[in-house]
N, C-alpha and C. Protein backbone atom coordinates (compact mmCIF):
# COMPACT_ATOMS: atom_id res chain seq x y z
N MET A 1 0.84 -1.18 0.00
CA MET A 1 0.00 0.00 0.00
C MET A 1 0.89 1.25 0.00
N ASN A 2 0.61 2.14 -0.93
CA ASN A 2 1.43 3.35 -1.06
C ASN A 2 1.04 4.37 0.01
N THR A 3 2.04 4.98 0.58
CA THR A 3 1.80 6.07 1.54
C THR A 3 2.11 7.39 0.87
N PRO A 4 1.35 8.45 1.21
CA PRO A 4 1.60 9.74 0.55
C PRO A 4 2.97 10.30 0.90
N ASP A 5 3.57 10.90 -0.09
CA ASP A 5 4.87 11.53 0.11
C ASP A 5 4.67 12.88 0.81
N THR A 6 5.05 12.93 2.08
CA THR A 6 4.83 14.16 2.85
C THR A 6 5.77 15.29 2.42
N HIS A 7 6.73 14.96 1.57
CA HIS A 7 7.67 15.99 1.12
C HIS A 7 7.42 16.39 -0.33
N SER A 8 6.29 15.98 -0.90
CA SER A 8 6.02 16.30 -2.30
C SER A 8 5.77 17.80 -2.45
N PRO A 9 6.13 18.37 -3.60
CA PRO A 9 5.92 19.81 -3.83
C PRO A 9 4.45 20.21 -3.73
N VAL A 10 3.55 19.34 -4.16
CA VAL A 10 2.12 19.67 -4.14
C VAL A 10 1.64 19.81 -2.70
N LEU A 11 1.99 18.84 -1.84
CA LEU A 11 1.59 18.91 -0.44
C LEU A 11 2.23 20.09 0.27
N GLU A 12 3.45 20.41 -0.11
CA GLU A 12 4.14 21.55 0.49
C GLU A 12 3.42 22.85 0.16
N VAL A 13 3.00 23.00 -1.11
CA VAL A 13 2.27 24.20 -1.52
C VAL A 13 0.93 24.28 -0.79
N GLN A 14 0.24 23.13 -0.66
CA GLN A 14 -1.04 23.11 0.04
C GLN A 14 -0.88 23.47 1.51
N SER A 15 0.19 22.99 2.13
CA SER A 15 0.41 23.29 3.55
C SER A 15 0.71 24.76 3.77
N ARG A 16 1.20 25.45 2.73
CA ARG A 16 1.44 26.88 2.83
C ARG A 16 0.17 27.68 2.57
N ARG A 17 -0.57 27.26 1.56
CA ARG A 17 -1.69 28.06 1.08
C ARG A 17 -2.87 28.09 2.04
N ARG A 18 -3.19 26.97 2.66
CA ARG A 18 -4.40 26.92 3.48
C ARG A 18 -4.33 27.85 4.69
N PRO A 19 -3.27 27.78 5.52
CA PRO A 19 -3.19 28.72 6.64
C PRO A 19 -3.12 30.19 6.19
N LEU A 20 -2.39 30.43 5.10
CA LEU A 20 -2.28 31.80 4.59
C LEU A 20 -3.63 32.31 4.09
N ALA A 21 -4.39 31.42 3.44
CA ALA A 21 -5.72 31.80 2.97
C ALA A 21 -6.63 32.17 4.13
N TRP A 22 -6.55 31.38 5.22
CA TRP A 22 -7.34 31.69 6.41
C TRP A 22 -6.92 33.02 7.01
N LEU A 23 -5.62 33.26 7.08
CA LEU A 23 -5.13 34.53 7.61
C LEU A 23 -5.71 35.71 6.83
N VAL A 24 -5.59 35.65 5.51
CA VAL A 24 -6.05 36.75 4.65
C VAL A 24 -7.56 36.91 4.74
N ALA A 25 -8.29 35.79 4.68
CA ALA A 25 -9.75 35.84 4.71
C ALA A 25 -10.26 36.43 6.02
N ILE A 26 -9.71 35.95 7.14
CA ILE A 26 -10.15 36.45 8.45
C ILE A 26 -9.80 37.93 8.61
N ALA A 27 -8.61 38.31 8.19
CA ALA A 27 -8.21 39.72 8.29
C ALA A 27 -9.15 40.62 7.48
N LEU A 28 -9.52 40.19 6.27
CA LEU A 28 -10.40 40.99 5.42
C LEU A 28 -11.81 41.07 6.00
N VAL A 29 -12.31 39.95 6.54
CA VAL A 29 -13.65 39.95 7.14
C VAL A 29 -13.68 40.86 8.36
N VAL A 30 -12.67 40.75 9.24
CA VAL A 30 -12.61 41.62 10.42
C VAL A 30 -12.54 43.08 10.00
N LEU A 31 -11.70 43.38 9.02
CA LEU A 31 -11.55 44.75 8.55
C LEU A 31 -12.87 45.29 7.99
N ALA A 32 -13.56 44.48 7.19
CA ALA A 32 -14.81 44.92 6.59
C ALA A 32 -15.88 45.17 7.66
N ILE A 33 -16.00 44.24 8.61
CA ILE A 33 -17.00 44.42 9.68
C ILE A 33 -16.65 45.62 10.54
N ASP A 34 -15.37 45.79 10.86
CA ASP A 34 -14.95 46.90 11.70
C ASP A 34 -15.24 48.25 11.02
N LEU A 35 -14.81 48.39 9.77
CA LEU A 35 -15.02 49.66 9.07
C LEU A 35 -16.50 49.94 8.86
N GLY A 36 -17.25 48.89 8.50
CA GLY A 36 -18.69 49.07 8.30
C GLY A 36 -19.40 49.47 9.58
N SER A 37 -19.04 48.83 10.69
CA SER A 37 -19.69 49.16 11.97
C SER A 37 -19.32 50.56 12.44
N LYS A 38 -18.10 51.00 12.14
CA LYS A 38 -17.70 52.36 12.52
C LYS A 38 -18.44 53.40 11.69
N MET A 39 -18.64 53.12 10.41
CA MET A 39 -19.41 54.04 9.57
C MET A 39 -20.84 54.15 10.09
N TRP A 40 -21.41 52.99 10.48
CA TRP A 40 -22.76 53.00 11.03
C TRP A 40 -22.80 53.78 12.34
N ALA A 41 -21.83 53.55 13.22
CA ALA A 41 -21.80 54.24 14.51
C ALA A 41 -21.67 55.75 14.33
N LEU A 42 -20.85 56.15 13.37
CA LEU A 42 -20.66 57.58 13.10
C LEU A 42 -21.96 58.21 12.62
N ALA A 43 -22.71 57.47 11.80
CA ALA A 43 -23.95 58.01 11.25
C ALA A 43 -25.11 57.96 12.24
N GLU A 44 -25.17 56.91 13.07
CA GLU A 44 -26.35 56.68 13.90
C GLU A 44 -26.18 57.01 15.38
N LEU A 45 -24.95 57.01 15.88
CA LEU A 45 -24.75 57.16 17.32
C LEU A 45 -24.07 58.44 17.75
N ALA A 46 -23.44 59.14 16.80
CA ALA A 46 -22.59 60.28 17.17
C ALA A 46 -23.34 61.39 17.88
N ASP A 47 -24.59 61.62 17.52
CA ASP A 47 -25.32 62.76 18.08
C ASP A 47 -26.54 62.33 18.90
N ARG A 48 -26.42 61.21 19.59
CA ARG A 48 -27.55 60.75 20.40
C ARG A 48 -27.07 60.14 21.71
N GLU A 49 -27.98 59.97 22.62
CA GLU A 49 -27.67 59.35 23.91
C GLU A 49 -27.38 57.86 23.70
N PRO A 50 -26.63 57.24 24.60
CA PRO A 50 -26.32 55.81 24.48
C PRO A 50 -27.59 54.96 24.38
N VAL A 51 -27.50 53.90 23.58
CA VAL A 51 -28.63 52.99 23.38
C VAL A 51 -28.46 51.80 24.32
N ARG A 52 -29.46 51.54 25.14
CA ARG A 52 -29.40 50.46 26.13
C ARG A 52 -29.90 49.16 25.52
N LEU A 53 -29.09 48.10 25.64
CA LEU A 53 -29.44 46.79 25.11
C LEU A 53 -29.24 45.71 26.17
N LEU A 54 -29.92 44.58 25.99
CA LEU A 54 -29.75 43.41 26.86
C LEU A 54 -29.91 43.76 28.34
N GLY A 55 -30.91 44.57 28.63
CA GLY A 55 -31.19 44.93 30.01
C GLY A 55 -30.09 45.74 30.68
N GLY A 56 -29.30 46.42 29.92
CA GLY A 56 -28.22 47.23 30.47
C GLY A 56 -26.87 46.53 30.51
N ALA A 57 -26.81 45.29 30.00
CA ALA A 57 -25.52 44.60 29.94
C ALA A 57 -24.63 45.19 28.85
N LEU A 58 -25.27 45.77 27.83
CA LEU A 58 -24.53 46.36 26.72
C LEU A 58 -25.17 47.68 26.33
N TYR A 59 -24.32 48.66 26.07
CA TYR A 59 -24.78 49.95 25.56
C TYR A 59 -24.04 50.25 24.26
N LEU A 60 -24.73 50.91 23.35
CA LEU A 60 -24.08 51.45 22.16
C LEU A 60 -23.84 52.93 22.45
N SER A 61 -22.59 53.26 22.67
CA SER A 61 -22.23 54.59 23.16
C SER A 61 -21.04 55.12 22.36
N PHE A 62 -21.26 56.13 21.56
CA PHE A 62 -20.23 56.65 20.66
C PHE A 62 -19.10 57.34 21.42
N ALA A 63 -17.87 57.00 21.05
CA ALA A 63 -16.70 57.64 21.67
C ALA A 63 -15.55 57.68 20.68
N ARG A 64 -14.69 58.65 20.85
CA ARG A 64 -13.46 58.73 20.05
C ARG A 64 -12.28 58.44 20.98
N ASN A 65 -11.45 57.48 20.59
CA ASN A 65 -10.39 56.97 21.45
C ASN A 65 -9.02 57.26 20.85
N THR A 66 -8.18 57.96 21.61
CA THR A 66 -6.82 58.23 21.14
C THR A 66 -5.82 57.22 21.69
N GLY A 67 -6.30 56.26 22.49
CA GLY A 67 -5.43 55.25 23.08
C GLY A 67 -5.42 53.96 22.28
N ALA A 68 -4.96 52.90 22.95
CA ALA A 68 -4.91 51.58 22.31
C ALA A 68 -6.25 50.88 22.52
N ALA A 69 -6.27 49.56 22.34
CA ALA A 69 -7.49 48.79 22.53
C ALA A 69 -8.04 49.03 23.93
N PHE A 70 -9.36 49.18 24.01
CA PHE A 70 -10.05 49.42 25.27
C PHE A 70 -9.57 50.70 25.96
N SER A 71 -9.19 51.69 25.15
CA SER A 71 -8.83 53.03 25.63
C SER A 71 -7.56 53.07 26.48
N LEU A 72 -6.73 52.04 26.39
CA LEU A 72 -5.48 52.04 27.15
C LEU A 72 -4.45 52.94 26.48
N GLY A 73 -3.68 53.66 27.26
CA GLY A 73 -2.58 54.47 26.73
C GLY A 73 -3.02 55.72 26.01
N SER A 74 -4.13 56.32 26.41
CA SER A 74 -4.56 57.57 25.79
C SER A 74 -3.47 58.63 25.97
N GLY A 75 -3.26 59.42 24.94
CA GLY A 75 -2.21 60.43 24.99
C GLY A 75 -0.94 60.01 24.29
N TYR A 76 -0.87 58.74 23.86
CA TYR A 76 0.32 58.24 23.16
C TYR A 76 -0.06 57.77 21.75
N THR A 77 -0.91 58.55 21.11
CA THR A 77 -1.49 58.13 19.84
C THR A 77 -0.43 57.83 18.79
N LEU A 78 0.54 58.71 18.62
CA LEU A 78 1.56 58.52 17.59
C LEU A 78 2.38 57.27 17.86
N VAL A 79 2.77 57.05 19.11
CA VAL A 79 3.55 55.87 19.48
C VAL A 79 2.75 54.60 19.22
N LEU A 80 1.48 54.61 19.61
CA LEU A 80 0.62 53.45 19.40
C LEU A 80 0.41 53.17 17.91
N THR A 81 0.33 54.22 17.12
CA THR A 81 0.19 54.05 15.67
C THR A 81 1.42 53.38 15.10
N LEU A 82 2.60 53.83 15.51
CA LEU A 82 3.84 53.24 15.01
C LEU A 82 3.98 51.79 15.45
N ILE A 83 3.54 51.48 16.67
CA ILE A 83 3.56 50.09 17.14
C ILE A 83 2.63 49.23 16.29
N SER A 84 1.45 49.75 15.98
CA SER A 84 0.49 49.01 15.15
C SER A 84 1.05 48.75 13.75
N VAL A 85 1.71 49.76 13.18
CA VAL A 85 2.33 49.59 11.86
C VAL A 85 3.39 48.50 11.92
N THR A 86 4.17 48.49 13.00
CA THR A 86 5.21 47.46 13.18
C THR A 86 4.59 46.07 13.28
N VAL A 87 3.50 45.96 14.04
CA VAL A 87 2.82 44.67 14.20
C VAL A 87 2.34 44.16 12.85
N VAL A 88 1.72 45.02 12.07
CA VAL A 88 1.24 44.62 10.74
C VAL A 88 2.41 44.18 9.87
N GLY A 89 3.51 44.92 9.91
CA GLY A 89 4.69 44.56 9.12
C GLY A 89 5.27 43.21 9.53
N VAL A 90 5.33 42.95 10.84
CA VAL A 90 5.86 41.67 11.33
C VAL A 90 4.98 40.51 10.88
N ILE A 91 3.66 40.68 10.97
CA ILE A 91 2.75 39.61 10.55
C ILE A 91 2.93 39.32 9.06
N ILE A 92 3.02 40.35 8.25
CA ILE A 92 3.21 40.16 6.81
C ILE A 92 4.53 39.45 6.54
N ARG A 93 5.56 39.82 7.29
CA ARG A 93 6.88 39.19 7.10
C ARG A 93 6.84 37.71 7.45
N PHE A 94 6.18 37.37 8.56
CA PHE A 94 6.14 35.98 9.01
C PHE A 94 5.13 35.13 8.26
N ALA A 95 4.30 35.75 7.43
CA ALA A 95 3.29 35.00 6.68
C ALA A 95 3.93 33.95 5.78
N SER A 96 5.13 34.20 5.30
CA SER A 96 5.80 33.24 4.41
C SER A 96 6.19 31.96 5.15
N LYS A 97 6.31 32.03 6.48
CA LYS A 97 6.68 30.85 7.27
C LYS A 97 5.46 30.12 7.82
N LEU A 98 4.27 30.67 7.58
CA LEU A 98 3.05 30.14 8.18
C LEU A 98 2.68 28.78 7.60
N ARG A 99 2.57 27.78 8.48
CA ARG A 99 2.11 26.44 8.08
C ARG A 99 1.03 25.92 9.03
N SER A 100 0.68 26.69 10.03
CA SER A 100 -0.25 26.26 11.06
C SER A 100 -1.59 26.98 10.89
N LEU A 101 -2.67 26.21 10.76
CA LEU A 101 -4.00 26.81 10.61
C LEU A 101 -4.42 27.61 11.84
N PRO A 102 -4.22 27.08 13.07
CA PRO A 102 -4.57 27.90 14.25
C PRO A 102 -3.80 29.23 14.30
N TRP A 103 -2.52 29.20 13.90
CA TRP A 103 -1.76 30.44 13.86
C TRP A 103 -2.29 31.36 12.76
N GLY A 104 -2.77 30.78 11.66
CA GLY A 104 -3.38 31.59 10.61
C GLY A 104 -4.60 32.34 11.11
N VAL A 105 -5.42 31.65 11.91
CA VAL A 105 -6.60 32.28 12.51
C VAL A 105 -6.18 33.39 13.47
N SER A 106 -5.23 33.08 14.34
CA SER A 106 -4.76 34.07 15.32
C SER A 106 -4.20 35.31 14.64
N LEU A 107 -3.30 35.11 13.70
CA LEU A 107 -2.67 36.25 13.02
C LEU A 107 -3.66 37.01 12.15
N GLY A 108 -4.65 36.31 11.59
CA GLY A 108 -5.69 36.98 10.82
C GLY A 108 -6.52 37.92 11.68
N LEU A 109 -6.87 37.47 12.89
CA LEU A 109 -7.61 38.32 13.82
C LEU A 109 -6.79 39.54 14.22
N ILE A 110 -5.51 39.32 14.52
CA ILE A 110 -4.64 40.42 14.93
C ILE A 110 -4.44 41.40 13.78
N LEU A 111 -4.17 40.88 12.59
CA LEU A 111 -3.95 41.73 11.42
C LEU A 111 -5.19 42.55 11.08
N GLY A 112 -6.36 41.90 11.08
CA GLY A 112 -7.60 42.61 10.77
C GLY A 112 -7.90 43.69 11.80
N GLY A 113 -7.71 43.36 13.09
CA GLY A 113 -7.97 44.35 14.13
C GLY A 113 -7.01 45.51 14.09
N ALA A 114 -5.72 45.20 13.94
CA ALA A 114 -4.72 46.27 13.89
C ALA A 114 -4.94 47.18 12.68
N THR A 115 -5.27 46.58 11.54
CA THR A 115 -5.49 47.37 10.33
C THR A 115 -6.74 48.23 10.45
N GLY A 116 -7.80 47.68 11.06
CA GLY A 116 -9.02 48.45 11.24
C GLY A 116 -8.79 49.71 12.05
N ASN A 117 -8.06 49.59 13.14
CA ASN A 117 -7.79 50.78 13.96
C ASN A 117 -6.76 51.70 13.29
N LEU A 118 -5.86 51.13 12.49
CA LEU A 118 -4.89 51.96 11.77
C LEU A 118 -5.58 52.87 10.75
N VAL A 119 -6.63 52.37 10.13
CA VAL A 119 -7.37 53.21 9.17
C VAL A 119 -7.86 54.48 9.87
N ASP A 120 -8.37 54.32 11.10
CA ASP A 120 -8.80 55.49 11.86
C ASP A 120 -7.61 56.40 12.17
N ARG A 121 -6.49 55.79 12.58
CA ARG A 121 -5.31 56.60 12.92
C ARG A 121 -4.83 57.42 11.72
N PHE A 122 -4.95 56.85 10.53
CA PHE A 122 -4.46 57.53 9.32
C PHE A 122 -5.42 58.61 8.83
N PHE A 123 -6.72 58.34 8.88
CA PHE A 123 -7.66 59.17 8.13
C PHE A 123 -8.65 59.98 8.96
N ARG A 124 -8.71 59.77 10.26
CA ARG A 124 -9.68 60.53 11.06
C ARG A 124 -9.01 61.69 11.79
N ASP A 125 -9.85 62.61 12.26
CA ASP A 125 -9.35 63.76 13.02
C ASP A 125 -8.72 63.28 14.33
N PRO A 126 -7.68 63.97 14.83
CA PRO A 126 -7.24 65.31 14.42
C PRO A 126 -6.20 65.34 13.29
N GLY A 127 -5.76 64.19 12.76
CA GLY A 127 -4.82 64.26 11.66
C GLY A 127 -4.10 62.94 11.44
N PHE A 128 -3.31 62.92 10.38
CA PHE A 128 -2.58 61.73 9.96
C PHE A 128 -1.69 61.19 11.08
N LEU A 129 -1.77 59.90 11.34
CA LEU A 129 -1.05 59.17 12.38
C LEU A 129 -1.53 59.49 13.80
N ARG A 130 -2.42 60.47 13.93
CA ARG A 130 -2.90 60.87 15.25
C ARG A 130 -4.41 60.79 15.36
N GLY A 131 -5.05 60.16 14.38
CA GLY A 131 -6.51 60.10 14.36
C GLY A 131 -7.08 59.31 15.53
N ALA A 132 -8.25 59.72 15.98
CA ALA A 132 -8.94 59.04 17.08
C ALA A 132 -9.76 57.88 16.53
N VAL A 133 -9.67 56.74 17.20
CA VAL A 133 -10.40 55.54 16.79
C VAL A 133 -11.84 55.64 17.29
N ILE A 134 -12.79 55.21 16.46
CA ILE A 134 -14.19 55.21 16.83
C ILE A 134 -14.52 53.95 17.62
N ASP A 135 -15.04 54.13 18.83
CA ASP A 135 -15.49 53.03 19.68
C ASP A 135 -16.97 53.22 19.98
N PHE A 136 -17.67 52.11 20.25
CA PHE A 136 -19.10 52.27 20.51
C PHE A 136 -19.74 51.15 21.34
N PHE A 137 -19.00 50.14 21.77
CA PHE A 137 -19.55 49.12 22.66
C PHE A 137 -19.14 49.44 24.09
N SER A 138 -20.11 49.46 24.99
CA SER A 138 -19.82 49.72 26.41
C SER A 138 -20.57 48.70 27.26
N LEU A 139 -19.86 48.03 28.16
CA LEU A 139 -20.45 46.99 28.98
C LEU A 139 -20.91 47.53 30.34
N PHE A 140 -22.18 47.26 30.68
CA PHE A 140 -22.76 47.50 32.01
C PHE A 140 -22.84 48.97 32.41
N ASP A 141 -22.43 49.86 31.55
CA ASP A 141 -22.51 51.29 31.85
C ASP A 141 -22.48 52.04 30.53
N PRO A 142 -23.29 53.09 30.39
CA PRO A 142 -23.34 53.78 29.10
C PRO A 142 -22.09 54.58 28.75
N TYR A 143 -21.22 54.86 29.73
CA TYR A 143 -20.08 55.74 29.47
C TYR A 143 -18.74 55.10 29.80
N GLY A 144 -18.67 53.77 29.76
CA GLY A 144 -17.40 53.09 29.94
C GLY A 144 -16.83 53.14 31.33
N GLN A 145 -17.68 53.28 32.34
CA GLN A 145 -17.19 53.35 33.72
C GLN A 145 -16.84 51.98 34.29
N VAL A 146 -17.48 50.93 33.77
CA VAL A 146 -17.22 49.57 34.24
C VAL A 146 -16.12 48.92 33.41
N TRP A 147 -16.21 49.09 32.10
CA TRP A 147 -15.24 48.53 31.16
C TRP A 147 -15.05 49.54 30.05
N PRO A 148 -13.82 49.82 29.62
CA PRO A 148 -13.61 50.84 28.59
C PRO A 148 -14.39 50.54 27.31
N ILE A 149 -14.87 51.59 26.67
CA ILE A 149 -15.62 51.45 25.42
C ILE A 149 -14.69 50.90 24.34
N PHE A 150 -15.22 50.00 23.49
CA PHE A 150 -14.38 49.32 22.51
C PHE A 150 -15.11 49.13 21.19
N ASN A 151 -14.43 48.51 20.23
CA ASN A 151 -15.02 48.29 18.91
C ASN A 151 -14.71 46.88 18.41
N VAL A 152 -15.11 46.58 17.19
CA VAL A 152 -14.90 45.25 16.61
C VAL A 152 -13.41 44.93 16.48
N ALA A 153 -12.61 45.91 16.06
CA ALA A 153 -11.17 45.69 15.90
C ALA A 153 -10.53 45.32 17.23
N ASP A 154 -10.94 45.99 18.31
CA ASP A 154 -10.41 45.67 19.64
C ASP A 154 -10.71 44.23 20.02
N MET A 155 -11.95 43.79 19.76
CA MET A 155 -12.34 42.42 20.08
C MET A 155 -11.49 41.42 19.30
N ALA A 156 -11.27 41.71 18.02
CA ALA A 156 -10.46 40.81 17.19
C ALA A 156 -9.02 40.76 17.68
N LEU A 157 -8.47 41.92 18.00
CA LEU A 157 -7.09 41.99 18.50
C LEU A 157 -6.91 41.17 19.77
N VAL A 158 -7.78 41.39 20.74
CA VAL A 158 -7.65 40.71 22.02
C VAL A 158 -7.84 39.20 21.86
N THR A 159 -8.81 38.80 21.04
CA THR A 159 -9.04 37.38 20.79
C THR A 159 -7.84 36.75 20.09
N GLY A 160 -7.29 37.44 19.10
CA GLY A 160 -6.13 36.93 18.37
C GLY A 160 -4.91 36.79 19.25
N VAL A 161 -4.67 37.78 20.10
CA VAL A 161 -3.51 37.72 21.01
C VAL A 161 -3.70 36.60 22.03
N ALA A 162 -4.92 36.45 22.56
CA ALA A 162 -5.19 35.38 23.53
C ALA A 162 -4.96 34.01 22.89
N LEU A 163 -5.39 33.85 21.64
CA LEU A 163 -5.18 32.59 20.93
C LEU A 163 -3.69 32.35 20.69
N ALA A 164 -2.94 33.40 20.34
CA ALA A 164 -1.50 33.27 20.13
C ALA A 164 -0.79 32.82 21.41
N VAL A 165 -1.19 33.39 22.54
CA VAL A 165 -0.61 33.00 23.82
C VAL A 165 -0.91 31.53 24.11
N LEU A 166 -2.15 31.11 23.85
CA LEU A 166 -2.54 29.72 24.06
C LEU A 166 -1.73 28.78 23.17
N LEU A 167 -1.53 29.16 21.92
CA LEU A 167 -0.74 28.33 20.99
C LEU A 167 0.70 28.21 21.47
N GLU A 168 1.25 29.31 21.95
CA GLU A 168 2.62 29.27 22.48
C GLU A 168 2.71 28.36 23.70
N LEU A 169 1.74 28.49 24.60
CA LEU A 169 1.76 27.69 25.82
C LEU A 169 1.60 26.20 25.54
N THR A 170 0.90 25.86 24.47
CA THR A 170 0.70 24.45 24.12
C THR A 170 1.76 23.94 23.15
N GLY A 171 2.76 24.76 22.84
CA GLY A 171 3.88 24.32 22.03
C GLY A 171 3.65 24.31 20.53
N ARG A 172 2.57 24.91 20.08
CA ARG A 172 2.32 24.97 18.63
C ARG A 172 3.11 26.12 18.02
N ARG A 173 3.81 25.81 16.94
CA ARG A 173 4.65 26.82 16.31
C ARG A 173 4.06 27.26 14.98
N ILE A 174 4.48 28.44 14.56
CA ILE A 174 3.92 29.04 13.35
C ILE A 174 4.22 28.22 12.09
N ASP A 175 5.32 27.44 12.12
CA ASP A 175 5.70 26.65 10.94
C ASP A 175 5.01 25.28 10.91
N GLY A 176 4.04 25.06 11.80
CA GLY A 176 3.28 23.82 11.79
C GLY A 176 3.85 22.71 12.64
N THR A 177 4.97 22.96 13.30
CA THR A 177 5.55 21.95 14.18
C THR A 177 5.06 22.18 15.61
N ARG A 178 5.31 21.19 16.45
CA ARG A 178 4.92 21.31 17.85
C ARG A 178 6.12 20.98 18.72
N ALA A 179 6.40 21.86 19.66
CA ALA A 179 7.52 21.64 20.58
C ALA A 179 7.10 20.58 21.59
N VAL A 180 7.96 19.56 21.75
CA VAL A 180 7.67 18.47 22.68
C VAL A 180 8.90 18.25 23.55
N LYS A 181 8.67 18.18 24.85
CA LYS A 181 9.79 17.91 25.77
C LYS A 181 10.13 16.44 25.74
N GLU A 182 11.41 16.14 25.55
CA GLU A 182 11.85 14.76 25.64
C GLU A 182 11.91 14.34 27.10
N ARG A 183 11.47 13.15 27.39
CA ARG A 183 11.56 12.66 28.76
C ARG A 183 13.01 12.38 29.11
N LYS A 184 13.36 12.72 30.32
CA LYS A 184 14.73 12.52 30.77
C LYS A 184 14.94 11.02 31.05
N THR A 185 15.86 10.40 30.31
CA THR A 185 16.12 8.98 30.49
C THR A 185 17.44 8.78 31.18
N ALA A 186 18.50 8.93 30.45
CA ALA A 186 19.82 8.77 31.05
C ALA A 186 20.67 9.94 30.64
N GLY A 187 21.54 10.33 31.54
CA GLY A 187 22.46 11.41 31.23
C GLY A 187 21.83 12.76 31.53
N PRO A 188 22.69 13.76 31.66
CA PRO A 188 22.21 15.10 32.00
C PRO A 188 21.61 15.79 30.78
N GLY A 189 20.73 16.73 31.07
CA GLY A 189 20.21 17.60 30.02
C GLY A 189 18.97 17.05 29.36
N THR A 190 18.02 17.90 29.15
CA THR A 190 16.81 17.57 28.42
C THR A 190 16.70 18.54 27.27
N ARG A 191 16.38 18.03 26.13
CA ARG A 191 16.38 18.87 24.93
C ARG A 191 14.98 18.95 24.35
N ASP A 192 14.61 20.12 23.83
CA ASP A 192 13.34 20.26 23.13
C ASP A 192 13.51 19.76 21.71
N LYS A 193 12.50 19.11 21.23
CA LYS A 193 12.49 18.76 19.82
C LYS A 193 11.16 19.16 19.24
N ALA A 194 11.05 19.20 17.93
CA ALA A 194 9.80 19.57 17.28
C ALA A 194 9.28 18.42 16.47
N GLU A 195 7.98 18.17 16.59
CA GLU A 195 7.36 17.15 15.76
C GLU A 195 6.26 17.82 14.96
N GLN A 196 5.89 17.21 13.86
CA GLN A 196 4.88 17.80 13.00
C GLN A 196 3.54 17.82 13.72
N ALA A 197 2.89 18.99 13.76
CA ALA A 197 1.60 19.12 14.46
C ALA A 197 0.50 18.44 13.67
């Protein structure tokens, strides 16, 4: 019985394309939903009182944020913008090494979220690289007193980073391998090795 050649060029191309396709697709979907929801919020929420939903568990409350996700680091808009540009650049650079579908999902969420907020930084007031991000979700309070007001991009970023941390903790690597600790048998020293995930 013939076994598939795991080193064939066709399988190698497939192992590259699938995770990369997921990364691109998720990033584009997140970006589209984020930009669309911000346009809606700007048109429908900017000049009205917060909208109470789910018995007060969620409010739609328009805000402009000069900080990072969940309004962290307000006042450092330019620095945060440059960090976001760096993150996007790093993800694009590492995309060529991507062989892991879970990492494709994680990086797609991060890329889509970072790009969504970067669009605001580039094109919204008060100016290029210093634009305020539009936020409109507020939990348990209409004005972000319980939890900072956030948007779709923030949710994608936090979810993507949390997934990346989980993948690291479980030994999954971006190239599709998995770090496995060798059991100590004889002799000093234990070495990490990688097996195909």
